[in-house]
All heavy atoms as atom14 arrays in JSON, in Angstrom:
{
  "sequence": "TARDAELAASARAVFSWHSSHRYCSKCGAESQMS",
  "atom14_mask": [
    [1, 1, 1, 1, 1, 1, 1, 0, 0, 0, 0, 0, 0, 0],
    [1, 1, 1, 1, 1, 0, 0, 0, 0, 0, 0, 0, 0, 0],
    [1, 1, 1, 1, 1, 1, 1, 1, 1, 1, 1, 0, 0, 0],
    [1, 1, 1, 1, 1, 1, 1, 1, 0, 0, 0, 0, 0, 0],
    [1, 1, 1, 1, 1, 0, 0, 0, 0, 0, 0, 0, 0, 0],
    [1, 1, 1, 1, 1, 1, 1, 1, 1, 0, 0, 0, 0, 0],
    [1, 1, 1, 1, 1, 1, 1, 1, 0, 0, 0, 0, 0, 0],
    [1, 1, 1, 1, 1, 0, 0, 0, 0, 0, 0, 0, 0, 0],
    [1, 1, 1, 1, 1, 0, 0, 0, 0, 0, 0, 0, 0, 0],
    [1, 1, 1, 1, 1, 1, 0, 0, 0, 0, 0, 0, 0, 0],
    [1, 1, 1, 1, 1, 0, 0, 0, 0, 0, 0, 0, 0, 0],
    [1, 1, 1, 1, 1, 1, 1, 1, 1, 1, 1, 0, 0, 0],
    [1, 1, 1, 1, 1, 0, 0, 0, 0, 0, 0, 0, 0, 0],
    [1, 1, 1, 1, 1, 1, 1, 0, 0, 0, 0, 0, 0, 0],
    [1, 1, 1, 1, 1, 1, 1, 1, 1, 1, 1, 0, 0, 0],
    [1, 1, 1, 1, 1, 1, 0, 0, 0, 0, 0, 0, 0, 0],
    [1, 1, 1, 1, 1, 1, 1, 1, 1, 1, 1, 1, 1, 1],
    [1, 1, 1, 1, 1, 1, 1, 1, 1, 1, 0, 0, 0, 0],
    [1, 1, 1, 1, 1, 1, 0, 0, 0, 0, 0, 0, 0, 0],
    [1, 1, 1, 1, 1, 1, 0, 0, 0, 0, 0, 0, 0, 0],
    [1, 1, 1, 1, 1, 1, 1, 1, 1, 1, 0, 0, 0, 0],
    [1, 1, 1, 1, 1, 1, 1, 1, 1, 1, 1, 0, 0, 0],
    [1, 1, 1, 1, 1, 1, 1, 1, 1, 1, 1, 1, 0, 0],
    [1, 1, 1, 1, 1, 1, 0, 0, 0, 0, 0, 0, 0, 0],
    [1, 1, 1, 1, 1, 1, 0, 0, 0, 0, 0, 0, 0, 0],
    [1, 1, 1, 1, 1, 1, 1, 1, 1, 0, 0, 0, 0, 0],
    [1, 1, 1, 1, 1, 1, 0, 0, 0, 0, 0, 0, 0, 0],
    [1, 1, 1, 1, 0, 0, 0, 0, 0, 0, 0, 0, 0, 0],
    [1, 1, 1, 1, 1, 0, 0, 0, 0, 0, 0, 0, 0, 0],
    [1, 1, 1, 1, 1, 1, 1, 1, 1, 0, 0, 0, 0, 0],
    [1, 1, 1, 1, 1, 1, 0, 0, 0, 0, 0, 0, 0, 0],
    [1, 1, 1, 1, 1, 1, 1, 1, 1, 0, 0, 0, 0, 0],
    [1, 1, 1, 1, 1, 1, 1, 1, 0, 0, 0, 0, 0, 0],
    [1, 1, 1, 1, 1, 1, 0, 0, 0, 0, 0, 0, 0, 0]
  ],
  "atom14_positions": [
    [[0.85, -1.19, 0.0], [0.0, 0.0, 0.0], [0.89, 1.24, 0.0], [2.09, 1.17, 0.31], [-0.9, 0.03, 1.23], [-0.08, 0.15, 2.4], [-1.76, -1.22, 1.33], [0.0, 0.0, 0.0], [0.0, 0.0, 0.0], [0.0, 0.0, 0.0], [0.0, 0.0, 0.0], [0.0, 0.0, 0.0], [0.0, 0.0, 0.0], [0.0, 0.0, 0.0]],
    [[0.31, 2.39, -0.32], [1.07, 3.63, -0.31], [1.66, 3.9, 1.07], [2.79, 4.37, 1.2], [0.18, 4.79, -0.74], [0.0, 0.0, 0.0], [0.0, 0.0, 0.0], [0.0, 0.0, 0.0], [0.0, 0.0, 0.0], [0.0, 0.0, 0.0], [0.0, 0.0, 0.0], [0.0, 0.0, 0.0], [0.0, 0.0, 0.0], [0.0, 0.0, 0.0]],
    [[0.91, 3.59, 2.14], [1.41, 3.82, 3.49], [2.59, 2.89, 3.8], [3.61, 3.33, 4.32], [0.28, 3.63, 4.5], [0.69, 3.76, 5.98], [1.35, 5.11, 6.31], [0.64, 6.26, 5.81], [-0.41, 6.82, 6.41], [-0.89, 6.33, 7.52], [-0.97, 7.91, 5.88], [0.0, 0.0, 0.0], [0.0, 0.0, 0.0], [0.0, 0.0, 0.0]],
    [[2.44, 1.61, 3.48], [3.53, 0.68, 3.72], [4.76, 1.05, 2.91], [5.9, 0.94, 3.39], [3.1, -0.74, 3.37], [2.34, -1.43, 4.5], [2.17, -0.81, 5.57], [1.91, -2.58, 4.31], [0.0, 0.0, 0.0], [0.0, 0.0, 0.0], [0.0, 0.0, 0.0], [0.0, 0.0, 0.0], [0.0, 0.0, 0.0], [0.0, 0.0, 0.0]],
    [[4.55, 1.5, 1.68], [5.68, 1.87, 0.83], [6.43, 3.06, 1.41], [7.66, 3.1, 1.42], [5.19, 2.18, -0.58], [0.0, 0.0, 0.0], [0.0, 0.0, 0.0], [0.0, 0.0, 0.0], [0.0, 0.0, 0.0], [0.0, 0.0, 0.0], [0.0, 0.0, 0.0], [0.0, 0.0, 0.0], [0.0, 0.0, 0.0], [0.0, 0.0, 0.0]],
    [[5.69, 4.06, 1.94], [6.35, 5.22, 2.53], [7.12, 4.83, 3.79], [8.25, 5.27, 4.02], [5.33, 6.31, 2.86], [5.99, 7.56, 3.46], [5.02, 8.71, 3.71], [3.82, 8.56, 3.38], [5.46, 9.73, 4.25], [0.0, 0.0, 0.0], [0.0, 0.0, 0.0], [0.0, 0.0, 0.0], [0.0, 0.0, 0.0], [0.0, 0.0, 0.0]],
    [[6.53, 3.99, 4.62], [7.2, 3.54, 5.83], [8.48, 2.77, 5.48], [9.54, 3.0, 6.08], [6.27, 2.65, 6.66], [5.08, 3.33, 7.34], [4.11, 2.28, 7.87], [5.56, 4.23, 8.47], [0.0, 0.0, 0.0], [0.0, 0.0, 0.0], [0.0, 0.0, 0.0], [0.0, 0.0, 0.0], [0.0, 0.0, 0.0], [0.0, 0.0, 0.0]],
    [[8.38, 1.87, 4.52], [9.54, 1.06, 4.14], [10.65, 1.91, 3.55], [11.83, 1.73, 3.87], [9.11, -0.02, 3.14], [0.0, 0.0, 0.0], [0.0, 0.0, 0.0], [0.0, 0.0, 0.0], [0.0, 0.0, 0.0], [0.0, 0.0, 0.0], [0.0, 0.0, 0.0], [0.0, 0.0, 0.0], [0.0, 0.0, 0.0], [0.0, 0.0, 0.0]],
    [[10.28, 2.85, 2.67], [11.29, 3.7, 2.04], [11.99, 4.57, 3.08], [13.22, 4.75, 3.05], [10.64, 4.57, 0.97], [0.0, 0.0, 0.0], [0.0, 0.0, 0.0], [0.0, 0.0, 0.0], [0.0, 0.0, 0.0], [0.0, 0.0, 0.0], [0.0, 0.0, 0.0], [0.0, 0.0, 0.0], [0.0, 0.0, 0.0], [0.0, 0.0, 0.0]],
    [[11.22, 5.12, 4.0], [11.8, 5.99, 5.03], [12.77, 5.21, 5.91], [13.91, 5.64, 6.15], [10.69, 6.61, 5.88], [9.79, 7.36, 5.09], [0.0, 0.0, 0.0], [0.0, 0.0, 0.0], [0.0, 0.0, 0.0], [0.0, 0.0, 0.0], [0.0, 0.0, 0.0], [0.0, 0.0, 0.0], [0.0, 0.0, 0.0], [0.0, 0.0, 0.0]],
    [[12.31, 4.07, 6.4], [13.14, 3.29, 7.32], [14.39, 2.76, 6.63], [15.49, 2.82, 7.2], [12.33, 2.13, 7.88], [0.0, 0.0, 0.0], [0.0, 0.0, 0.0], [0.0, 0.0, 0.0], [0.0, 0.0, 0.0], [0.0, 0.0, 0.0], [0.0, 0.0, 0.0], [0.0, 0.0, 0.0], [0.0, 0.0, 0.0], [0.0, 0.0, 0.0]],
    [[14.26, 2.26, 5.43], [15.43, 1.71, 4.74], [16.48, 2.78, 4.49], [17.68, 2.55, 4.68], [15.02, 1.08, 3.4], [16.14, 0.25, 2.77], [15.79, -0.22, 1.37], [16.71, -1.23, 0.91], [17.95, -1.02, 0.46], [18.42, 0.22, 0.45], [18.72, -2.01, 0.05], [0.0, 0.0, 0.0], [0.0, 0.0, 0.0], [0.0, 0.0, 0.0]],
    [[16.05, 3.96, 4.08], [16.99, 5.04, 3.81], [17.7, 5.49, 5.09], [18.92, 5.73, 5.08], [16.27, 6.22, 3.17], [0.0, 0.0, 0.0], [0.0, 0.0, 0.0], [0.0, 0.0, 0.0], [0.0, 0.0, 0.0], [0.0, 0.0, 0.0], [0.0, 0.0, 0.0], [0.0, 0.0, 0.0], [0.0, 0.0, 0.0], [0.0, 0.0, 0.0]],
    [[16.97, 5.61, 6.19], [17.59, 6.07, 7.44], [18.54, 5.01, 7.99], [19.65, 5.33, 8.47], [16.52, 6.45, 8.48], [17.17, 6.82, 9.81], [15.69, 7.62, 7.97], [0.0, 0.0, 0.0], [0.0, 0.0, 0.0], [0.0, 0.0, 0.0], [0.0, 0.0, 0.0], [0.0, 0.0, 0.0], [0.0, 0.0, 0.0], [0.0, 0.0, 0.0]],
    [[18.15, 3.74, 7.92], [19.06, 2.68, 8.36], [20.33, 2.67, 7.51], [21.44, 2.48, 8.03], [18.38, 1.32, 8.29], [17.49, 1.0, 9.45], [16.22, 0.47, 9.25], [17.91, 1.21, 10.76], [15.39, 0.17, 10.32], [17.1, 0.91, 11.84], [15.83, 0.39, 11.62], [0.0, 0.0, 0.0], [0.0, 0.0, 0.0], [0.0, 0.0, 0.0]],
    [[20.19, 2.88, 6.23], [21.35, 2.91, 5.34], [22.28, 4.05, 5.72], [23.51, 3.91, 5.74], [20.9, 3.04, 3.89], [22.01, 3.19, 3.03], [0.0, 0.0, 0.0], [0.0, 0.0, 0.0], [0.0, 0.0, 0.0], [0.0, 0.0, 0.0], [0.0, 0.0, 0.0], [0.0, 0.0, 0.0], [0.0, 0.0, 0.0], [0.0, 0.0, 0.0]],
    [[21.7, 5.21, 6.03], [22.5, 6.37, 6.44], [23.25, 6.08, 7.73], [24.44, 6.37, 7.84], [21.59, 7.59, 6.6], [22.3, 8.77, 7.2], [23.23, 9.58, 6.6], [22.17, 9.26, 8.54], [23.67, 10.54, 7.47], [23.03, 10.38, 8.67], [21.39, 8.88, 9.63], [23.14, 11.1, 9.85], [21.5, 9.6, 10.81], [22.36, 10.69, 10.91]],
    [[22.59, 5.49, 8.71], [23.26, 5.16, 9.96], [24.42, 4.2, 9.72], [25.5, 4.34, 10.31], [22.28, 4.53, 10.96], [21.41, 5.52, 11.67], [21.91, 6.46, 12.55], [20.06, 5.72, 11.62], [20.91, 7.19, 13.03], [19.78, 6.77, 12.48], [0.0, 0.0, 0.0], [0.0, 0.0, 0.0], [0.0, 0.0, 0.0], [0.0, 0.0, 0.0]],
    [[24.21, 3.23, 8.84], [25.25, 2.24, 8.56], [26.5, 2.86, 7.96], [27.63, 2.45, 8.25], [24.69, 1.17, 7.62], [25.68, 0.23, 7.26], [0.0, 0.0, 0.0], [0.0, 0.0, 0.0], [0.0, 0.0, 0.0], [0.0, 0.0, 0.0], [0.0, 0.0, 0.0], [0.0, 0.0, 0.0], [0.0, 0.0, 0.0], [0.0, 0.0, 0.0]],
    [[26.31, 3.87, 7.1], [27.45, 4.47, 6.39], [27.98, 5.73, 7.05], [28.96, 6.31, 6.57], [27.05, 4.79, 4.94], [25.99, 5.72, 4.91], [0.0, 0.0, 0.0], [0.0, 0.0, 0.0], [0.0, 0.0, 0.0], [0.0, 0.0, 0.0], [0.0, 0.0, 0.0], [0.0, 0.0, 0.0], [0.0, 0.0, 0.0], [0.0, 0.0, 0.0]],
    [[27.37, 6.15, 8.17], [27.81, 7.39, 8.84], [28.01, 7.16, 10.34], [27.61, 7.98, 11.17], [26.79, 8.52, 8.61], [26.78, 9.05, 7.22], [26.25, 8.34, 6.16], [27.28, 10.2, 6.7], [26.39, 9.05, 5.05], [27.02, 10.16, 5.35], [0.0, 0.0, 0.0], [0.0, 0.0, 0.0], [0.0, 0.0, 0.0], [0.0, 0.0, 0.0]],
    [[28.67, 6.07, 10.66], [28.9, 5.75, 12.08], [29.9, 6.69, 12.73], [29.89, 6.86, 13.95], [29.4, 4.31, 12.2], [28.35, 3.22, 11.98], [28.98, 1.86, 12.12], [29.66, 1.72, 13.41], [30.57, 0.78, 13.67], [30.91, -0.09, 12.72], [31.13, 0.72, 14.87], [0.0, 0.0, 0.0], [0.0, 0.0, 0.0], [0.0, 0.0, 0.0]],
    [[30.76, 7.29, 11.92], [31.83, 8.11, 12.49], [31.64, 9.58, 12.14], [31.22, 9.93, 11.04], [33.18, 7.59, 12.01], [33.45, 6.18, 12.45], [33.1, 5.11, 11.64], [33.99, 5.93, 13.71], [33.31, 3.8, 12.07], [34.21, 4.63, 14.15], [33.86, 3.56, 13.32], [34.06, 2.28, 13.76], [0.0, 0.0, 0.0], [0.0, 0.0, 0.0]],
    [[31.97, 10.42, 13.08], [31.81, 11.86, 12.94], [32.68, 12.38, 11.79], [33.89, 12.11, 11.74], [32.2, 12.54, 14.25], [32.16, 14.34, 14.2], [0.0, 0.0, 0.0], [0.0, 0.0, 0.0], [0.0, 0.0, 0.0], [0.0, 0.0, 0.0], [0.0, 0.0, 0.0], [0.0, 0.0, 0.0], [0.0, 0.0, 0.0], [0.0, 0.0, 0.0]],
    [[32.1, 13.14, 10.9], [32.85, 13.69, 9.77], [33.71, 14.88, 10.17], [34.54, 15.35, 9.38], [31.88, 14.11, 8.65], [30.97, 15.1, 9.12], [0.0, 0.0, 0.0], [0.0, 0.0, 0.0], [0.0, 0.0, 0.0], [0.0, 0.0, 0.0], [0.0, 0.0, 0.0], [0.0, 0.0, 0.0], [0.0, 0.0, 0.0], [0.0, 0.0, 0.0]],
    [[33.54, 15.38, 11.4], [34.34, 16.51, 11.89], [35.63, 16.04, 12.56], [36.7, 16.61, 12.34], [33.53, 17.36, 12.86], [32.35, 18.07, 12.22], [31.61, 18.94, 13.24], [30.46, 19.69, 12.6], [29.73, 20.54, 13.58], [0.0, 0.0, 0.0], [0.0, 0.0, 0.0], [0.0, 0.0, 0.0], [0.0, 0.0, 0.0], [0.0, 0.0, 0.0]],
    [[35.52, 15.0, 13.4], [36.7, 14.59, 14.17], [37.06, 13.12, 14.01], [38.11, 12.69, 14.46], [36.53, 14.93, 15.64], [35.33, 13.87, 16.51], [0.0, 0.0, 0.0], [0.0, 0.0, 0.0], [0.0, 0.0, 0.0], [0.0, 0.0, 0.0], [0.0, 0.0, 0.0], [0.0, 0.0, 0.0], [0.0, 0.0, 0.0], [0.0, 0.0, 0.0]],
    [[36.18, 12.32, 13.44], [36.47, 10.91, 13.21], [36.07, 9.97, 14.31], [36.17, 8.76, 14.17], [0.0, 0.0, 0.0], [0.0, 0.0, 0.0], [0.0, 0.0, 0.0], [0.0, 0.0, 0.0], [0.0, 0.0, 0.0], [0.0, 0.0, 0.0], [0.0, 0.0, 0.0], [0.0, 0.0, 0.0], [0.0, 0.0, 0.0], [0.0, 0.0, 0.0]],
    [[35.59, 10.49, 15.43], [35.16, 9.64, 16.54], [33.83, 8.97, 16.21], [33.05, 9.47, 15.39], [35.03, 10.46, 17.82], [0.0, 0.0, 0.0], [0.0, 0.0, 0.0], [0.0, 0.0, 0.0], [0.0, 0.0, 0.0], [0.0, 0.0, 0.0], [0.0, 0.0, 0.0], [0.0, 0.0, 0.0], [0.0, 0.0, 0.0], [0.0, 0.0, 0.0]],
    [[33.57, 7.84, 16.84], [32.3, 7.16, 16.59], [31.15, 7.97, 17.19], [31.22, 8.42, 18.33], [32.3, 5.76, 17.18], [31.07, 4.96, 16.82], [31.18, 3.49, 17.14], [32.21, 3.09, 17.74], [30.25, 2.74, 16.8], [0.0, 0.0, 0.0], [0.0, 0.0, 0.0], [0.0, 0.0, 0.0], [0.0, 0.0, 0.0], [0.0, 0.0, 0.0]],
    [[30.11, 8.17, 16.4], [28.94, 8.93, 16.85], [27.84, 7.98, 17.3], [27.91, 6.77, 17.08], [28.44, 9.85, 15.73], [28.09, 9.09, 14.58], [0.0, 0.0, 0.0], [0.0, 0.0, 0.0], [0.0, 0.0, 0.0], [0.0, 0.0, 0.0], [0.0, 0.0, 0.0], [0.0, 0.0, 0.0], [0.0, 0.0, 0.0], [0.0, 0.0, 0.0]],
    [[26.8, 8.55, 17.91], [25.71, 7.75, 18.46], [24.37, 8.2, 17.9], [24.15, 9.4, 17.68], [25.69, 7.86, 19.98], [26.99, 7.44, 20.66], [27.35, 5.99, 20.41], [26.47, 5.13, 20.42], [28.64, 5.72, 20.21], [0.0, 0.0, 0.0], [0.0, 0.0, 0.0], [0.0, 0.0, 0.0], [0.0, 0.0, 0.0], [0.0, 0.0, 0.0]],
    [[23.47, 7.25, 17.71], [22.11, 7.57, 17.26], [21.39, 8.38, 18.32], [21.52, 8.12, 19.52], [21.34, 6.27, 16.98], [19.91, 6.49, 16.5], [18.95, 4.94, 16.39], [19.77, 4.11, 15.04], [0.0, 0.0, 0.0], [0.0, 0.0, 0.0], [0.0, 0.0, 0.0], [0.0, 0.0, 0.0], [0.0, 0.0, 0.0], [0.0, 0.0, 0.0]],
    [[20.63, 9.38, 17.89], [19.85, 10.21, 18.81], [18.58, 10.68, 18.13], [18.35, 10.39, 16.95], [20.69, 11.4, 19.3], [21.01, 12.25, 18.22], [0.0, 0.0, 0.0], [0.0, 0.0, 0.0], [0.0, 0.0, 0.0], [0.0, 0.0, 0.0], [0.0, 0.0, 0.0], [0.0, 0.0, 0.0], [0.0, 0.0, 0.0], [0.0, 0.0, 0.0]]
  ]
}
């Protein structure tokens, strides 16, 4: 459904971002989800 598709797209994209951005781009230390 349109609702399920939006939920899936949102979650997949955000999880992908967390996976590829674990470390701070300013200092290199590991960052935390918030």
